Protein backbone atom coordinates (compact mmCIF):
# COMPACT_ATOMS: atom_id res chain seq x y z
CA MET A 1 105.37 99.07 91.61
CA ALA A 2 109.18 98.74 93.00
CA TYR A 3 110.18 97.19 89.84
CA MET A 4 108.32 100.13 87.92
CA MET A 5 109.52 102.81 89.99
CA GLN A 6 113.47 101.20 89.89
CA GLY A 7 112.81 102.20 85.82
CA ARG A 8 113.25 97.68 85.64
CA PHE A 9 109.63 98.10 83.07
CA ASP A 10 110.57 94.18 81.88
CA GLU A 11 111.20 93.07 85.14
CA ALA A 12 107.81 94.46 86.56
CA VAL A 13 106.02 93.31 83.48
CA ASN A 14 107.16 89.69 84.03
CA ALA A 15 105.73 90.36 87.34
CA LEU A 16 102.70 92.20 86.64
CA GLU A 17 101.60 89.69 83.83
CA HIS A 18 102.11 86.63 86.22
CA SER A 19 99.63 88.59 88.66
CA HIS A 20 97.31 88.96 86.23
CA ALA A 21 97.62 85.11 85.29
CA LEU A 22 96.77 84.47 88.71
CA PHE A 23 94.45 86.93 90.24
CA GLY A 24 92.40 88.42 86.67
CA ASP A 25 91.67 92.00 85.71
CA PHE A 26 92.94 93.47 89.27
CA ALA A 27 92.75 97.78 88.97
CA THR A 28 95.33 98.22 90.46
CA ALA A 29 97.88 95.80 88.27
CA LEU A 30 96.01 97.34 85.36
CA PHE A 31 97.16 101.03 86.25
CA ASP A 32 100.60 99.76 86.28
CA MET A 33 100.69 97.64 82.85
CA VAL A 34 99.34 100.42 81.50
CA ALA A 35 102.38 102.67 82.50
CA CYS A 36 104.99 99.57 82.35
CA TYR A 37 103.81 98.98 78.48
CA THR A 38 103.95 102.19 77.62
CA ALA A 39 107.58 103.19 79.33
CA LEU A 40 108.71 100.41 77.33
CA GLY A 41 107.20 101.30 73.78
CA ARG A 42 104.56 98.49 73.82
CA ILE A 43 101.82 100.36 72.77
CA ASP A 44 99.28 97.44 71.36
CA ASP A 45 100.14 96.21 75.30
CA ALA A 46 99.50 99.35 76.44
CA MET A 47 96.26 99.95 74.67
CA ALA A 48 94.84 96.06 75.40
CA ALA A 49 95.16 96.65 79.38
CA ALA A 50 94.01 99.97 79.00
CA ASP A 51 90.93 98.42 77.46
CA LYS A 52 90.40 96.05 80.23
CA LEU A 53 90.61 99.12 82.78
CA ARG A 54 88.37 101.00 80.73
CA ALA A 55 85.44 97.78 81.31
CA ARG A 56 86.40 97.91 84.70
CA GLN A 57 86.13 102.01 85.70
CA PRO A 58 84.19 103.23 82.19
CA ALA A 59 84.25 106.64 84.39
CA LEU A 60 87.64 106.48 84.62
CA THR A 61 89.44 110.22 83.98
CA VAL A 62 93.26 111.44 84.21
CA ALA A 63 91.07 113.94 87.17
CA LEU A 64 89.49 111.10 88.98
CA PHE A 65 92.75 108.98 89.09
CA ARG A 66 94.24 112.45 90.29
CA ALA A 67 91.55 112.95 93.22
CA THR A 68 91.23 109.04 94.76
CA THR A 69 94.73 107.67 94.34
CA PRO A 70 95.62 106.90 98.08
CA HIS A 71 99.65 106.95 96.69
CA GLN A 72 101.20 110.02 97.74
CA CYS A 73 104.68 109.12 95.82
CA VAL A 74 104.56 111.76 93.33
CA PRO A 75 106.89 109.66 90.68
CA TYR A 76 104.00 107.13 90.48
CA ILE A 77 101.59 109.32 90.26
CA ASP A 78 102.90 110.99 87.50
CA ARG A 79 103.98 107.85 85.51
CA ILE A 80 100.20 106.71 85.97
CA ILE A 81 99.10 109.75 84.56
CA LYS A 82 101.37 110.21 81.94
CA SER A 83 100.44 106.60 80.57
CA LEU A 84 96.69 107.03 81.52
CA ARG A 85 96.97 110.10 78.57
CA ALA A 86 98.85 108.12 76.15
CA THR A 87 96.41 105.53 76.20
CA GLY A 88 93.52 107.59 75.45
CA PHE A 89 91.40 108.69 78.85
CA PRO A 90 90.32 111.47 79.25
CA GLU A 91 91.58 114.77 81.53
CA THR A 92 87.53 114.80 82.93
């Protein structure tokens, strides 16, 4: 998350892909992967990560993410919400 919040999306993706290789489809990493890929314009990769997220959380909506996220960091929440919308998650 630190790389992502600093706008260092390439470095964030490298760390997230490494985490994914070690730990699999960890939901928090998938949220961050969707956001970083979206920010980098890597839409195919963002959609692939979003599909994995949908498989893990089929009821996920933008509203549900907003209501249940433990983060208080508004820029982080906003970046995730923007990427969820960009990859087709419904509002409600």
